[in-house]
N, C-alpha and C. Protein backbone atom coordinates (compact mmCIF):
# COMPACT_ATOMS: atom_id res chain seq x y z
N MET A 1 0.83 -1.19 0.00
CA MET A 1 0.00 0.00 0.00
C MET A 1 0.88 1.26 0.00
N TYR A 2 1.93 1.22 0.81
CA TYR A 2 2.83 2.38 0.89
C TYR A 2 3.51 2.62 -0.45
N LYS A 3 3.89 1.52 -1.13
CA LYS A 3 4.57 1.68 -2.41
C LYS A 3 3.64 2.30 -3.45
N SER A 4 2.39 1.85 -3.47
CA SER A 4 1.46 2.42 -4.45
C SER A 4 1.17 3.88 -4.13
N PHE A 5 1.07 4.22 -2.85
CA PHE A 5 0.85 5.60 -2.46
C PHE A 5 2.04 6.47 -2.87
N LYS A 6 3.23 5.93 -2.67
CA LYS A 6 4.45 6.66 -3.04
C LYS A 6 4.51 6.90 -4.55
N SER A 7 4.11 5.90 -5.34
CA SER A 7 4.14 6.08 -6.79
C SER A 7 3.06 7.06 -7.25
N ILE A 8 1.93 7.08 -6.56
CA ILE A 8 0.88 8.05 -6.90
C ILE A 8 1.36 9.46 -6.62
N ILE A 9 2.03 9.63 -5.49
CA ILE A 9 2.55 10.97 -5.15
C ILE A 9 3.59 11.41 -6.18
N LYS A 10 4.41 10.48 -6.63
CA LYS A 10 5.41 10.84 -7.64
C LYS A 10 4.76 11.20 -8.97
N ASN A 11 3.65 10.56 -9.26
CA ASN A 11 2.93 10.85 -10.48
C ASN A 11 2.09 12.10 -10.24
N GLN A 12 2.46 13.19 -10.83
CA GLN A 12 1.81 14.47 -10.57
C GLN A 12 0.33 14.43 -10.95
N LYS A 13 -0.01 13.77 -12.04
CA LYS A 13 -1.40 13.70 -12.46
C LYS A 13 -2.24 12.96 -11.42
N GLY A 14 -1.72 11.87 -10.90
CA GLY A 14 -2.44 11.12 -9.89
C GLY A 14 -2.61 11.92 -8.61
N ALA A 15 -1.61 12.69 -8.24
CA ALA A 15 -1.70 13.51 -7.03
C ALA A 15 -2.73 14.61 -7.19
N ILE A 16 -2.77 15.23 -8.35
CA ILE A 16 -3.74 16.30 -8.59
C ILE A 16 -5.16 15.73 -8.59
N GLU A 17 -5.34 14.55 -9.19
CA GLU A 17 -6.66 13.93 -9.19
C GLU A 17 -7.11 13.62 -7.76
N ASN A 18 -6.19 13.15 -6.93
CA ASN A 18 -6.54 12.85 -5.54
C ASN A 18 -6.91 14.12 -4.79
N ILE A 19 -6.20 15.19 -5.05
CA ILE A 19 -6.51 16.46 -4.39
C ILE A 19 -7.88 16.96 -4.83
N LEU A 20 -8.18 16.85 -6.12
CA LEU A 20 -9.49 17.28 -6.62
C LEU A 20 -10.62 16.44 -6.03
N VAL A 21 -10.40 15.15 -5.89
CA VAL A 21 -11.41 14.29 -5.28
C VAL A 21 -11.61 14.66 -3.82
N ALA A 22 -10.51 14.93 -3.12
CA ALA A 22 -10.62 15.33 -1.71
C ALA A 22 -11.38 16.65 -1.58
N ILE A 23 -11.10 17.61 -2.44
CA ILE A 23 -11.81 18.90 -2.40
C ILE A 23 -13.29 18.69 -2.70
N LEU A 24 -13.59 17.84 -3.67
CA LEU A 24 -14.99 17.55 -4.00
C LEU A 24 -15.71 16.92 -2.80
N LEU A 25 -15.06 15.98 -2.13
CA LEU A 25 -15.69 15.35 -0.97
C LEU A 25 -15.90 16.33 0.17
N VAL A 26 -14.97 17.25 0.35
CA VAL A 26 -15.14 18.28 1.39
C VAL A 26 -16.32 19.18 1.03
N MET A 27 -16.43 19.56 -0.24
CA MET A 27 -17.54 20.41 -0.65
C MET A 27 -18.88 19.71 -0.46
N ILE A 28 -18.93 18.42 -0.79
CA ILE A 28 -20.17 17.66 -0.59
C ILE A 28 -20.50 17.57 0.90
N GLY A 29 -19.50 17.36 1.72
CA GLY A 29 -19.71 17.28 3.17
C GLY A 29 -20.23 18.59 3.74
N VAL A 30 -19.65 19.69 3.32
CA VAL A 30 -20.09 21.01 3.80
C VAL A 30 -21.52 21.28 3.33
N GLY A 31 -21.80 20.97 2.08
CA GLY A 31 -23.16 21.17 1.55
C GLY A 31 -24.18 20.32 2.31
N ALA A 32 -23.82 19.08 2.60
CA ALA A 32 -24.73 18.20 3.35
C ALA A 32 -24.96 18.74 4.76
N PHE A 33 -23.92 19.25 5.39
CA PHE A 33 -24.05 19.80 6.74
C PHE A 33 -24.96 21.03 6.73
N ILE A 34 -24.79 21.90 5.75
CA ILE A 34 -25.62 23.10 5.66
C ILE A 34 -27.08 22.72 5.40
N ALA A 35 -27.29 21.76 4.52
CA ALA A 35 -28.66 21.31 4.23
C ALA A 35 -29.29 20.70 5.47
N TYR A 36 -28.55 19.89 6.21
CA TYR A 36 -29.06 19.27 7.43
C TYR A 36 -29.39 20.33 8.48
N SER A 37 -28.51 21.31 8.63
CA SER A 37 -28.75 22.38 9.61
C SER A 37 -30.01 23.17 9.27
N THR A 38 -30.18 23.49 7.99
CA THR A 38 -31.37 24.22 7.56
C THR A 38 -32.63 23.40 7.79
N TRP A 39 -32.58 22.12 7.46
CA TRP A 39 -33.72 21.24 7.65
C TRP A 39 -34.09 21.14 9.14
N MET A 40 -33.06 20.99 9.99
CA MET A 40 -33.32 20.89 11.43
C MET A 40 -33.92 22.20 11.97
N GLU A 41 -33.46 23.32 11.48
CA GLU A 41 -34.00 24.61 11.92
C GLU A 41 -35.48 24.72 11.54
N ASN A 42 -35.81 24.30 10.32
CA ASN A 42 -37.21 24.33 9.87
C ASN A 42 -38.07 23.37 10.69
N GLN A 43 -37.53 22.20 10.99
CA GLN A 43 -38.28 21.23 11.80
C GLN A 43 -38.51 21.79 13.20
N ASN A 44 -37.51 22.45 13.74
CA ASN A 44 -37.62 23.04 15.08
C ASN A 44 -38.73 24.10 15.10
N THR A 45 -38.78 24.93 14.08
CA THR A 45 -39.81 25.95 13.98
C THR A 45 -41.20 25.32 13.86
N ASN A 46 -41.31 24.27 13.04
CA ASN A 46 -42.59 23.59 12.88
C ASN A 46 -43.07 22.97 14.18
N VAL A 47 -42.17 22.35 14.92
CA VAL A 47 -42.55 21.73 16.19
C VAL A 47 -42.99 22.79 17.19
N LYS A 48 -42.29 23.91 17.24
CA LYS A 48 -42.69 24.99 18.15
C LYS A 48 -44.07 25.51 17.81
N ASN A 49 -44.35 25.71 16.53
CA ASN A 49 -45.66 26.21 16.11
C ASN A 49 -46.76 25.21 16.43
N GLU A 50 -46.54 23.94 16.15
CA GLU A 50 -47.55 22.93 16.43
C GLU A 50 -47.79 22.80 17.93
N THR A 51 -46.72 22.86 18.70
CA THR A 51 -46.86 22.77 20.15
C THR A 51 -47.66 23.95 20.69
N THR A 52 -47.38 25.13 20.22
CA THR A 52 -48.12 26.32 20.64
C THR A 52 -49.60 26.19 20.29
N ASN A 53 -49.89 25.68 19.10
CA ASN A 53 -51.29 25.49 18.70
C ASN A 53 -52.00 24.48 19.58
N VAL A 54 -51.34 23.37 19.89
CA VAL A 54 -51.96 22.34 20.72
C VAL A 54 -52.19 22.86 22.13
N ILE A 55 -51.21 23.58 22.67
CA ILE A 55 -51.37 24.13 24.02
C ILE A 55 -52.51 25.14 24.05
N SER A 56 -52.57 26.00 23.06
CA SER A 56 -53.65 27.00 23.01
C SER A 56 -55.01 26.32 22.90
N LYS A 57 -55.10 25.31 22.05
CA LYS A 57 -56.37 24.59 21.88
C LYS A 57 -56.77 23.90 23.18
N THR A 58 -55.81 23.29 23.85
CA THR A 58 -56.09 22.59 25.10
C THR A 58 -56.54 23.58 26.18
N LEU A 59 -55.88 24.72 26.26
CA LEU A 59 -56.27 25.73 27.26
C LEU A 59 -57.67 26.26 26.96
N ASN A 60 -57.99 26.48 25.68
CA ASN A 60 -59.33 26.96 25.31
C ASN A 60 -60.38 25.91 25.64
N ASP A 61 -60.08 24.64 25.41
CA ASP A 61 -61.05 23.58 25.70
C ASP A 61 -61.29 23.44 27.20
N THR A 62 -60.24 23.60 28.00
CA THR A 62 -60.40 23.45 29.44
C THR A 62 -61.10 24.65 30.06
N ASN A 63 -60.96 25.82 29.44
CA ASN A 63 -61.62 27.03 29.96
C ASN A 63 -63.13 27.04 29.65
N ASN A 64 -63.51 26.33 28.63
CA ASN A 64 -64.93 26.32 28.24
C ASN A 64 -65.63 25.28 28.99
């Protein structure tokens, strides 16, 4: 494994391809993290709104 890695590093084209793949994977990871964070924020807002509605409805039902 070490020998093949060493030959890839010596081969400039192979090294550049590996760097490009690594950059692509980092970009995909960052994009996935941002998408997940946005989705979680939206879910958090939805849960808060639904909880507020249920509490309000329950309080109105108990007061009547």
